[in-house]
Amino acid sequence: MDLLNKALSLHPAPYWHDRLNLNRNALHNARQRGHISPAIAGALAEEIGEDPREWIVIAALESERDSSCKDRMVKRIIHSVSAAVRS
């Protein structure tokens, strides 16, 4: 959701719907669900100059049901992102 909030701080939802050729409710629905699809995350990231691969992985994990595997992967992603930021 951080990515969606960042994108919406730059431009309103209708801009992104037009720019990415999305249904006019796509971002509203994503906000209601609490996560965006990996494809939308990648496209938004690319448009705002972020690494789309990183955001695709984060979006995929956010949409997963809670499990020990999800917890493990979230910790791994957080660790790798923190390491990349420090570099």
N, C-alpha and C. Protein backbone atom coordinates (compact mmCIF):
# COMPACT_ATOMS: atom_id res chain seq x y z
N MET A 1 0.82 -1.18 0.00
CA MET A 1 0.00 0.00 0.00
C MET A 1 0.87 1.26 0.00
N ASP A 2 2.11 1.13 0.44
CA ASP A 2 3.01 2.29 0.40
C ASP A 2 3.19 2.79 -1.03
N LEU A 3 3.32 1.87 -1.95
CA LEU A 3 3.49 2.24 -3.36
C LEU A 3 2.25 2.96 -3.88
N LEU A 4 1.08 2.45 -3.56
CA LEU A 4 -0.16 3.09 -4.01
C LEU A 4 -0.28 4.49 -3.42
N ASN A 5 0.01 4.62 -2.15
CA ASN A 5 -0.05 5.95 -1.52
C ASN A 5 0.94 6.92 -2.16
N LYS A 6 2.13 6.42 -2.48
CA LYS A 6 3.14 7.26 -3.12
C LYS A 6 2.65 7.72 -4.50
N ALA A 7 2.09 6.79 -5.26
CA ALA A 7 1.58 7.14 -6.59
C ALA A 7 0.44 8.14 -6.50
N LEU A 8 -0.45 7.93 -5.54
CA LEU A 8 -1.59 8.84 -5.39
C LEU A 8 -1.18 10.21 -4.85
N SER A 9 -0.04 10.28 -4.20
CA SER A 9 0.44 11.59 -3.77
C SER A 9 0.98 12.40 -4.95
N LEU A 10 1.37 11.70 -6.01
CA LEU A 10 1.87 12.36 -7.21
C LEU A 10 0.75 12.77 -8.16
N HIS A 11 -0.24 11.88 -8.31
CA HIS A 11 -1.36 12.12 -9.22
C HIS A 11 -2.60 11.46 -8.65
N PRO A 12 -3.79 11.99 -8.96
CA PRO A 12 -5.03 11.38 -8.46
C PRO A 12 -5.32 10.05 -9.19
N ALA A 13 -6.19 9.27 -8.59
CA ALA A 13 -6.54 7.95 -9.14
C ALA A 13 -6.96 8.00 -10.60
N PRO A 14 -7.81 8.95 -11.03
CA PRO A 14 -8.20 8.95 -12.45
C PRO A 14 -7.01 9.05 -13.41
N TYR A 15 -5.97 9.77 -13.01
CA TYR A 15 -4.77 9.86 -13.83
C TYR A 15 -4.16 8.47 -14.03
N TRP A 16 -4.01 7.72 -12.92
CA TRP A 16 -3.41 6.39 -12.99
C TRP A 16 -4.30 5.42 -13.75
N HIS A 17 -5.61 5.54 -13.58
CA HIS A 17 -6.51 4.67 -14.33
C HIS A 17 -6.31 4.87 -15.83
N ASP A 18 -6.23 6.13 -16.25
CA ASP A 18 -6.02 6.43 -17.67
C ASP A 18 -4.62 6.01 -18.12
N ARG A 19 -3.62 6.37 -17.35
CA ARG A 19 -2.23 6.11 -17.71
C ARG A 19 -1.94 4.61 -17.87
N LEU A 20 -2.54 3.79 -16.97
CA LEU A 20 -2.28 2.35 -16.97
C LEU A 20 -3.39 1.55 -17.63
N ASN A 21 -4.39 2.27 -18.16
CA ASN A 21 -5.53 1.62 -18.80
C ASN A 21 -6.23 0.64 -17.85
N LEU A 22 -6.54 1.13 -16.65
CA LEU A 22 -7.19 0.33 -15.62
C LEU A 22 -8.67 0.65 -15.54
N ASN A 23 -9.44 -0.30 -15.03
CA ASN A 23 -10.83 -0.04 -14.71
C ASN A 23 -10.88 1.12 -13.73
N ARG A 24 -11.88 1.97 -13.83
CA ARG A 24 -11.91 3.18 -13.00
C ARG A 24 -12.03 2.92 -11.51
N ASN A 25 -12.34 1.69 -11.12
CA ASN A 25 -12.43 1.34 -9.70
C ASN A 25 -11.24 0.53 -9.20
N ALA A 26 -10.29 0.25 -10.05
CA ALA A 26 -9.19 -0.66 -9.71
C ALA A 26 -8.42 -0.23 -8.47
N LEU A 27 -8.05 1.03 -8.40
CA LEU A 27 -7.24 1.48 -7.26
C LEU A 27 -8.07 1.62 -6.00
N HIS A 28 -9.33 2.03 -6.16
CA HIS A 28 -10.23 2.09 -5.01
C HIS A 28 -10.43 0.69 -4.43
N ASN A 29 -10.66 -0.28 -5.29
CA ASN A 29 -10.84 -1.66 -4.83
C ASN A 29 -9.57 -2.19 -4.16
N ALA A 30 -8.43 -1.84 -4.71
CA ALA A 30 -7.17 -2.28 -4.11
C ALA A 30 -7.02 -1.71 -2.70
N ARG A 31 -7.37 -0.46 -2.55
CA ARG A 31 -7.27 0.17 -1.23
C ARG A 31 -8.23 -0.51 -0.24
N GLN A 32 -9.42 -0.84 -0.70
CA GLN A 32 -10.40 -1.51 0.16
C GLN A 32 -9.90 -2.90 0.59
N ARG A 33 -9.26 -3.62 -0.34
CA ARG A 33 -8.74 -4.96 -0.05
C ARG A 33 -7.48 -4.91 0.80
N GLY A 34 -6.75 -3.80 0.71
CA GLY A 34 -5.51 -3.67 1.47
C GLY A 34 -4.28 -4.13 0.72
N HIS A 35 -4.42 -4.41 -0.58
CA HIS A 35 -3.26 -4.78 -1.40
C HIS A 35 -3.60 -4.57 -2.87
N ILE A 36 -2.55 -4.38 -3.67
CA ILE A 36 -2.74 -4.24 -5.11
C ILE A 36 -2.16 -5.47 -5.80
N SER A 37 -2.59 -5.70 -7.01
CA SER A 37 -2.09 -6.86 -7.74
C SER A 37 -0.62 -6.64 -8.09
N PRO A 38 0.11 -7.73 -8.23
CA PRO A 38 1.51 -7.59 -8.63
C PRO A 38 1.68 -6.86 -9.96
N ALA A 39 0.79 -7.09 -10.91
CA ALA A 39 0.91 -6.42 -12.21
C ALA A 39 0.73 -4.92 -12.08
N ILE A 40 -0.27 -4.50 -11.31
CA ILE A 40 -0.49 -3.06 -11.11
C ILE A 40 0.68 -2.47 -10.33
N ALA A 41 1.16 -3.20 -9.33
CA ALA A 41 2.30 -2.70 -8.54
C ALA A 41 3.51 -2.48 -9.44
N GLY A 42 3.78 -3.43 -10.32
CA GLY A 42 4.92 -3.29 -11.22
C GLY A 42 4.77 -2.09 -12.16
N ALA A 43 3.57 -1.91 -12.68
CA ALA A 43 3.33 -0.80 -13.60
C ALA A 43 3.44 0.54 -12.88
N LEU A 44 2.85 0.64 -11.70
CA LEU A 44 2.95 1.88 -10.92
C LEU A 44 4.41 2.20 -10.57
N ALA A 45 5.12 1.17 -10.11
CA ALA A 45 6.53 1.36 -9.74
C ALA A 45 7.33 1.87 -10.93
N GLU A 46 7.12 1.27 -12.07
CA GLU A 46 7.83 1.69 -13.28
C GLU A 46 7.53 3.15 -13.61
N GLU A 47 6.27 3.53 -13.49
CA GLU A 47 5.86 4.90 -13.82
C GLU A 47 6.45 5.94 -12.88
N ILE A 48 6.68 5.57 -11.61
CA ILE A 48 7.19 6.56 -10.66
C ILE A 48 8.69 6.40 -10.41
N GLY A 49 9.34 5.55 -11.20
CA GLY A 49 10.79 5.43 -11.12
C GLY A 49 11.30 4.51 -10.05
N GLU A 50 10.47 3.60 -9.58
CA GLU A 50 10.89 2.59 -8.59
C GLU A 50 11.20 1.28 -9.31
N ASP A 51 11.86 0.37 -8.61
CA ASP A 51 12.18 -0.94 -9.18
C ASP A 51 10.91 -1.79 -9.24
N PRO A 52 10.39 -2.08 -10.44
CA PRO A 52 9.15 -2.85 -10.52
C PRO A 52 9.27 -4.26 -9.96
N ARG A 53 10.43 -4.89 -10.11
CA ARG A 53 10.60 -6.26 -9.62
C ARG A 53 10.39 -6.33 -8.11
N GLU A 54 10.94 -5.39 -7.42
CA GLU A 54 10.82 -5.36 -5.96
C GLU A 54 9.36 -5.21 -5.54
N TRP A 55 8.64 -4.31 -6.19
CA TRP A 55 7.25 -4.05 -5.83
C TRP A 55 6.32 -5.18 -6.26
N ILE A 56 6.67 -5.88 -7.33
CA ILE A 56 5.87 -7.04 -7.74
C ILE A 56 5.95 -8.12 -6.66
N VAL A 57 7.14 -8.36 -6.15
CA VAL A 57 7.32 -9.36 -5.09
C VAL A 57 6.57 -8.95 -3.84
N ILE A 58 6.67 -7.70 -3.45
CA ILE A 58 5.98 -7.22 -2.25
C ILE A 58 4.47 -7.37 -2.42
N ALA A 59 3.94 -6.99 -3.57
CA ALA A 59 2.49 -7.11 -3.81
C ALA A 59 2.05 -8.56 -3.79
N ALA A 60 2.84 -9.44 -4.35
CA ALA A 60 2.49 -10.87 -4.33
C ALA A 60 2.44 -11.39 -2.90
N LEU A 61 3.40 -11.00 -2.08
CA LEU A 61 3.40 -11.44 -0.69
C LEU A 61 2.24 -10.85 0.10
N GLU A 62 1.91 -9.58 -0.16
CA GLU A 62 0.80 -8.96 0.56
C GLU A 62 -0.52 -9.67 0.27
N SER A 63 -0.67 -10.22 -0.91
CA SER A 63 -1.93 -10.86 -1.27
C SER A 63 -2.05 -12.30 -0.77
N GLU A 64 -0.96 -12.84 -0.27
CA GLU A 64 -0.98 -14.21 0.26
C GLU A 64 -1.71 -14.28 1.60
N ARG A 65 -2.31 -15.42 1.86
CA ARG A 65 -2.89 -15.66 3.19
C ARG A 65 -1.76 -15.80 4.19
N ASP A 66 -2.07 -15.50 5.44
CA ASP A 66 -1.07 -15.63 6.50
C ASP A 66 -0.62 -17.08 6.64
N SER A 67 0.68 -17.26 6.70
CA SER A 67 1.26 -18.59 6.89
C SER A 67 2.70 -18.42 7.33
N SER A 68 3.30 -19.50 7.78
CA SER A 68 4.70 -19.43 8.18
C SER A 68 5.59 -19.16 6.97
N CYS A 69 5.21 -19.68 5.81
CA CYS A 69 5.98 -19.41 4.59
C CYS A 69 5.93 -17.93 4.23
N LYS A 70 4.74 -17.34 4.34
CA LYS A 70 4.62 -15.91 4.05
C LYS A 70 5.48 -15.11 5.01
N ASP A 71 5.39 -15.43 6.31
CA ASP A 71 6.21 -14.71 7.30
C ASP A 71 7.69 -14.81 6.97
N ARG A 72 8.12 -15.99 6.58
CA ARG A 72 9.53 -16.21 6.25
C ARG A 72 9.95 -15.34 5.06
N MET A 73 9.13 -15.31 4.02
CA MET A 73 9.47 -14.55 2.83
C MET A 73 9.40 -13.04 3.08
N VAL A 74 8.44 -12.59 3.88
CA VAL A 74 8.35 -11.17 4.22
C VAL A 74 9.61 -10.74 4.95
N LYS A 75 10.07 -11.55 5.91
CA LYS A 75 11.30 -11.23 6.64
C LYS A 75 12.49 -11.18 5.69
N ARG A 76 12.53 -12.10 4.75
CA ARG A 76 13.65 -12.13 3.80
C ARG A 76 13.64 -10.89 2.91
N ILE A 77 12.47 -10.50 2.44
CA ILE A 77 12.37 -9.32 1.58
C ILE A 77 12.73 -8.07 2.37
N ILE A 78 12.23 -7.96 3.58
CA ILE A 78 12.55 -6.79 4.42
C ILE A 78 14.06 -6.71 4.63
N HIS A 79 14.68 -7.83 4.90
CA HIS A 79 16.13 -7.87 5.11
C HIS A 79 16.88 -7.44 3.86
N SER A 80 16.46 -7.96 2.70
CA SER A 80 17.18 -7.61 1.47
C SER A 80 16.96 -6.16 1.07
N VAL A 81 15.77 -5.63 1.32
CA VAL A 81 15.50 -4.21 1.01
C VAL A 81 16.31 -3.33 1.95
N SER A 82 16.38 -3.69 3.23
CA SER A 82 17.16 -2.90 4.19
C SER A 82 18.64 -2.90 3.80
N ALA A 83 19.14 -4.03 3.37
CA ALA A 83 20.54 -4.12 2.96
C ALA A 83 20.80 -3.26 1.73
N ALA A 84 19.86 -3.25 0.80
CA ALA A 84 20.02 -2.46 -0.42
C ALA A 84 19.99 -0.96 -0.11
N VAL A 85 19.16 -0.56 0.85
CA VAL A 85 19.07 0.85 1.23
C VAL A 85 20.37 1.31 1.88
N ARG A 86 20.97 0.45 2.69
CA ARG A 86 22.23 0.80 3.37
C ARG A 86 23.39 0.91 2.40
N SER A 87 23.32 0.23 1.27
CA SER A 87 24.44 0.23 0.30
C SER A 87 24.54 1.51 -0.46
